[in-house]
C-alpha atoms as a PDB file:
ATOM      1  CA  MET A   1      96.144 107.723 101.665  1.00  0.00           C
ATOM      2  CA  LEU A   2      99.086 109.951 102.485  1.00  0.00           C
ATOM      3  CA  THR A   3     100.249 109.651 106.068  1.00  0.00           C
ATOM      4  CA  ASN A   4      99.914 113.003 107.838  1.00  0.00           C
ATOM      5  CA  SER A   5      98.814 114.700 104.606  1.00  0.00           C
ATOM      6  CA  VAL A   6      96.173 117.375 104.510  1.00  0.00           C
ATOM      7  CA  ILE A   7      93.817 118.946 102.031  1.00  0.00           C
ATOM      8  CA  LEU A   8      94.494 122.676 101.852  1.00  0.00           C
ATOM      9  CA  VAL A   9      91.415 124.820 101.191  1.00  0.00           C
ATOM     10  CA  VAL A  10      92.158 128.421 100.198  1.00  0.00           C
ATOM     11  CA  ASP A  11      89.622 131.226  99.809  1.00  0.00           C
ATOM     12  CA  ASP A  12      89.569 134.848 100.933  1.00  0.00           C
ATOM     13  CA  HIS A  13      85.901 134.629 101.969  1.00  0.00           C
ATOM     14  CA  LYS A  14      85.320 132.931 105.327  1.00  0.00           C
ATOM     15  CA  ASP A  15      81.791 131.792 104.402  1.00  0.00           C
ATOM     16  CA  THR A  16      83.151 130.033 101.302  1.00  0.00           C
ATOM     17  CA  LEU A  17      85.906 128.407 103.368  1.00  0.00           C
ATOM     18  CA  PHE A  18      83.285 127.154 105.806  1.00  0.00           C
ATOM     19  CA  ALA A  19      81.110 125.783 102.979  1.00  0.00           C
ATOM     20  CA  LEU A  20      84.058 123.989 101.352  1.00  0.00           C
ATOM     21  CA  GLU A  21      85.239 122.535 104.665  1.00  0.00           C
ATOM     22  CA  SER A  22      81.686 121.398 105.472  1.00  0.00           C
ATOM     23  CA  ALA A  23      81.366 119.721 102.082  1.00  0.00           C
ATOM     24  CA  LEU A  24      84.701 117.897 102.546  1.00  0.00           C
ATOM     25  CA  ALA A  25      84.243 116.923 106.212  1.00  0.00           C
ATOM     26  CA  PRO A  26      82.415 113.623 105.472  1.00  0.00           C
ATOM     27  CA  LEU A  27      85.572 112.337 103.754  1.00  0.00           C
ATOM     28  CA  GLY A  28      87.370 112.321 107.094  1.00  0.00           C
ATOM     29  CA  TYR A  29      90.614 113.705 105.664  1.00  0.00           C
ATOM     30  CA  PRO A  30      92.506 116.331 107.655  1.00  0.00           C
ATOM     31  CA  LEU A  31      91.740 119.831 106.384  1.00  0.00           C
ATOM     32  CA  VAL A  32      93.739 123.025 106.700  1.00  0.00           C
ATOM     33  CA  SER A  33      92.380 126.355 105.558  1.00  0.00           C
ATOM     34  CA  ALA A  34      94.055 129.551 104.434  1.00  0.00           C
ATOM     35  CA  SER A  35      92.464 132.887 103.620  1.00  0.00           C
ATOM     36  CA  SER A  36      95.161 134.305 101.328  1.00  0.00           C
ATOM     37  CA  GLY A  37      97.718 133.251  98.771  1.00  0.00           C
ATOM     38  CA  ASP A  38     100.573 134.147 101.120  1.00  0.00           C
ATOM     39  CA  GLU A  39      99.101 132.031 103.914  1.00  0.00           C
ATOM     40  CA  ALA A  40      98.574 129.147 101.462  1.00  0.00           C
ATOM     41  CA  LEU A  41     102.223 129.261 100.387  1.00  0.00           C
ATOM     42  CA  ARG A  42     103.354 129.093 104.018  1.00  0.00           C
ATOM     43  CA  VAL A  43     101.228 125.970 104.576  1.00  0.00           C
ATOM     44  CA  ILE A  44     102.409 124.368 101.326  1.00  0.00           C
ATOM     45  CA  LEU A  45     106.080 124.991 102.079  1.00  0.00           C
ATOM     46  CA  ARG A  46     105.744 123.312 105.486  1.00  0.00           C
ATOM     47  CA  GLY A  47     104.952 120.129 103.542  1.00  0.00           C
ATOM     48  CA  ASN A  48     102.442 117.284 103.783  1.00  0.00           C
ATOM     49  CA  VAL A  49      99.847 118.852 101.499  1.00  0.00           C
ATOM     50  CA  GLY A  50      98.164 116.186  99.377  1.00  0.00           C
ATOM     51  CA  LEU A  51      95.609 118.366  97.567  1.00  0.00           C
ATOM     52  CA  ILE A  52      95.026 122.089  97.138  1.00  0.00           C
ATOM     53  CA  LEU A  53      91.572 123.598  96.532  1.00  0.00           C
ATOM     54  CA  LEU A  54      92.372 127.166  95.575  1.00  0.00           C
ATOM     55  CA  ASP A  55      90.340 130.280  94.842  1.00  0.00           C
ATOM     56  CA  VAL A  56      91.509 131.960  91.640  1.00  0.00           C
ATOM     57  CA  ARG A  57      90.793 135.575  92.585  1.00  0.00           C
ATOM     58  CA  MET A  58      92.185 136.762  95.883  1.00  0.00           C
ATOM     59  CA  PRO A  59      93.685 140.115  96.837  1.00  0.00           C
ATOM     60  CA  GLY A  60      97.474 140.179  96.801  1.00  0.00           C
ATOM     61  CA  VAL A  61      98.795 136.784  95.751  1.00  0.00           C
ATOM     62  CA  SER A  62      96.198 135.257  93.413  1.00  0.00           C
ATOM     63  CA  GLY A  63      95.426 131.586  92.994  1.00  0.00           C
ATOM     64  CA  LEU A  64      97.301 131.509  89.692  1.00  0.00           C
ATOM     65  CA  ASP A  65     100.321 133.106  91.387  1.00  0.00           C
ATOM     66  CA  VAL A  66     100.251 130.317  93.989  1.00  0.00           C
ATOM     67  CA  VAL A  67     100.071 127.692  91.238  1.00  0.00           C
ATOM     68  CA  ARG A  68     103.028 129.251  89.394  1.00  0.00           C
ATOM     69  CA  TYR A  69     105.140 129.197  92.547  1.00  0.00           C
ATOM     70  CA  VAL A  70     104.134 125.649  93.554  1.00  0.00           C
ATOM     71  CA  ARG A  71     104.909 124.286  90.088  1.00  0.00           C
ATOM     72  CA  ARG A  72     108.434 125.758  90.133  1.00  0.00           C
ATOM     73  CA  LEU A  73     109.487 123.785  93.221  1.00  0.00           C
ATOM     74  CA  GLU A  74     110.455 120.131  92.859  1.00  0.00           C
ATOM     75  CA  GLN A  75     108.942 119.097  96.214  1.00  0.00           C
ATOM     76  CA  THR A  76     105.531 120.644  95.436  1.00  0.00           C
ATOM     77  CA  ARG A  77     105.337 120.312  91.654  1.00  0.00           C
ATOM     78  CA  ALA A  78     103.099 117.223  91.609  1.00  0.00           C
ATOM     79  CA  ILE A  79     100.543 118.270  94.253  1.00  0.00           C
ATOM     80  CA  PRO A  80      97.112 118.180  92.589  1.00  0.00           C
ATOM     81  CA  ILE A  81      95.377 121.552  92.480  1.00  0.00           C
ATOM     82  CA  VAL A  82      91.738 122.376  91.796  1.00  0.00           C
ATOM     83  CA  LEU A  83      91.143 126.041  91.042  1.00  0.00           C
ATOM     84  CA  LEU A  84      87.811 127.433  92.197  1.00  0.00           C
ATOM     85  CA  THR A  85      86.191 130.571  90.895  1.00  0.00           C
ATOM     86  CA  GLY A  86      82.923 132.368  91.546  1.00  0.00           C
ATOM     87  CA  PHE A  87      83.127 134.024  88.145  1.00  0.00           C
ATOM     88  CA  ASP A  88      82.785 132.573  84.685  1.00  0.00           C
ATOM     89  CA  VAL A  89      85.947 130.749  83.743  1.00  0.00           C
ATOM     90  CA  SER A  90      87.478 132.726  80.914  1.00  0.00           C
ATOM     91  CA  ARG A  91      89.396 130.989  78.162  1.00  0.00           C
ATOM     92  CA  GLU A  92      92.519 132.805  79.300  1.00  0.00           C
ATOM     93  CA  ILE A  93      92.273 131.657  82.923  1.00  0.00           C
ATOM     94  CA  SER A  94      91.365 128.123  81.884  1.00  0.00           C
ATOM     95  CA  ALA A  95      94.207 127.885  79.353  1.00  0.00           C
ATOM     96  CA  THR A  96      96.729 129.311  81.822  1.00  0.00           C
ATOM     97  CA  ALA A  97      95.546 127.005  84.600  1.00  0.00           C
ATOM     98  CA  PHE A  98      95.776 123.841  82.530  1.00  0.00           C
ATOM     99  CA  ARG A  99      99.114 124.892  81.031  1.00  0.00           C
ATOM    100  CA  LEU A 100     100.375 125.186  84.624  1.00  0.00           C
ATOM    101  CA  GLY A 101      99.149 121.664  85.323  1.00  0.00           C
ATOM    102  CA  VAL A 102      96.071 122.129  87.496  1.00  0.00           C
ATOM    103  CA  ALA A 103      93.825 119.082  87.769  1.00  0.00           C
ATOM    104  CA  ASP A 104      90.576 121.010  87.287  1.00  0.00           C
ATOM    105  CA  VAL A 105      88.927 124.422  87.247  1.00  0.00           C
ATOM    106  CA  ALA A 106      85.517 124.468  88.944  1.00  0.00           C
ATOM    107  CA  LEU A 107      82.829 127.095  89.273  1.00  0.00           C
ATOM    108  CA  LYS A 108      81.610 128.041  92.766  1.00  0.00           C
ATOM    109  CA  PRO A 109      79.349 127.159  94.343  1.00  0.00           C
ATOM    110  CA  ILE A 110      80.428 123.607  93.593  1.00  0.00           C
ATOM    111  CA  ASP A 111      78.101 120.713  94.316  1.00  0.00           C
ATOM    112  CA  PRO A 112      79.298 119.045  97.563  1.00  0.00           C
ATOM    113  CA  LEU A 113      79.100 115.522  96.121  1.00  0.00           C
ATOM    114  CA  THR A 114      81.093 116.567  93.058  1.00  0.00           C
ATOM    115  CA  LEU A 115      83.665 118.277  95.274  1.00  0.00           C
ATOM    116  CA  ARG A 116      84.022 115.221  97.531  1.00  0.00           C
ATOM    117  CA  THR A 117      84.352 112.892  94.536  1.00  0.00           C
ATOM    118  CA  LYS A 118      87.100 115.004  92.936  1.00  0.00           C
ATOM    119  CA  ALA A 119      88.875 115.529  96.244  1.00  0.00           C
ATOM    120  CA  ARG A 120      88.821 111.832  97.168  1.00  0.00           C
ATOM    121  CA  TYR A 121      90.145 110.756  93.778  1.00  0.00           C
ATOM    122  CA  LEU A 122      92.916 113.367  93.585  1.00  0.00           C
ATOM    123  CA  PHE A 123      93.999 113.045  97.230  1.00  0.00           C
ATOM    124  CA  GLU A 124      94.126 109.248  97.211  1.00  0.00           C
ATOM    125  CA  THR A 125      95.780 109.018  93.784  1.00  0.00           C
ATOM    126  CA  TYR A 126      98.474 111.474  94.841  1.00  0.00           C
ATOM    127  CA  GLY A 127      98.993 109.424  98.006  1.00  0.00           C
ATOM    128  CA  GLN A 128      99.422 106.242  95.984  1.00  0.00           C
ATOM    129  CA  ILE A 129     101.907 107.911  93.663  1.00  0.00           C
ATOM    130  CA  LYS A 130     103.916 109.252  96.604  1.00  0.00           C
ATOM    131  CA  SER A 131     103.897 105.824  98.250  1.00  0.00           C
ATOM    132  CA  MET A 132     105.156 104.147  95.069  1.00  0.00           C
ATOM    133  CA  GLN A 133     107.843 106.818  94.700  1.00  0.00           C
ATOM    134  CA  ARG A 134     109.035 106.127  98.268  1.00  0.00           C
ATOM    135  CA  GLU A 135     109.223 102.400  97.460  1.00  0.00           C
ATOM    136  CA  ILE A 136     111.212 103.112  94.300  1.00  0.00           C
ATOM    137  CA  ASP A 137     113.569 105.406  96.224  1.00  0.00           C
ATOM    138  CA  ASP A 138     114.047 102.721  98.911  1.00  0.00           C
ATOM    139  CA  LEU A 139     114.808 100.063  96.307  1.00  0.00           C
ATOM    140  CA  ARG A 140     117.281 102.363  94.546  1.00  0.00           C
ATOM    141  CA  ALA A 141     119.020 103.021  97.857  1.00  0.00           C
ATOM    142  CA  GLN A 142     119.222  99.285  98.551  1.00  0.00           C
ATOM    143  CA  VAL A 143     120.673  98.614  95.090  1.00  0.00           C
ATOM    144  CA  LYS A 144     123.157 101.459  95.509  1.00  0.00           C
ATOM    145  CA  SER A 145     124.265 100.169  98.912  1.00  0.00           C
ATOM    146  CA  GLY A 146     124.691  96.655  97.507  1.00  0.00           C
ATOM    147  CA  PHE A 147     121.950  95.183  99.674  1.00  0.00           C
ATOM    148  CA  ILE A 148     120.077  94.158  96.502  1.00  0.00           C
ATOM    149  CA  ALA A 149     121.939  93.143  93.356  1.00  0.00           C
ATOM    150  CA  PRO A 150     120.780  94.898  90.180  1.00  0.00           C
ATOM    151  CA  THR A 151     119.109  92.692  87.573  1.00  0.00           C
ATOM    152  CA  ASN A 152     118.717  92.848  83.827  1.00  0.00           C
ATOM    153  CA  ASP A 153     114.925  93.342  83.945  1.00  0.00           C
ATOM    154  CA  GLY A 154     113.672  90.910  81.347  1.00  0.00           C
ATOM    155  CA  ALA A 155     116.944  90.584  79.451  1.00  0.00           C
ATOM    156  CA  ARG A 156     117.659  86.992  78.462  1.00  0.00           C
ATOM    157  CA  ASP A 157     120.944  85.300  77.878  1.00  0.00           C
ATOM    158  CA  GLU A 158     120.511  83.690  74.474  1.00  0.00           C
ATOM    159  CA  SER A 159     123.898  81.869  74.382  1.00  0.00           C
END
């Protein structure tokens, strides 16, 4: 699990936010909620978001607008995103969402068990990837500083 990471839940309807938070609460992960796309972006840019559950249709900055912005920034590009919609998922929205790299598009109301299963998998997998990336970065820094000598990974001297 990501240290200090949160699951960000974004929806412009407070009752939906409450339902999503209630469904996720048994996981025990820290949750942060936002009621608009602008508010979501502020939370995301502060860092430590390990999963975003995001309503597609919101006034002002839509869910797809948030995804477009998040995917343009190096530090947020890999955060898993699940788009949620209370309307039928059109081919256009689905195609755009997956082209932007969302993990899933789900129809509300989403079954709490299904939501928890997806959230657990995506949150923990992202945490593992981030942890491995930190280890790789640390090893690269040690090699660069000369603390660890580089090796020829698997290369054999056949002389």
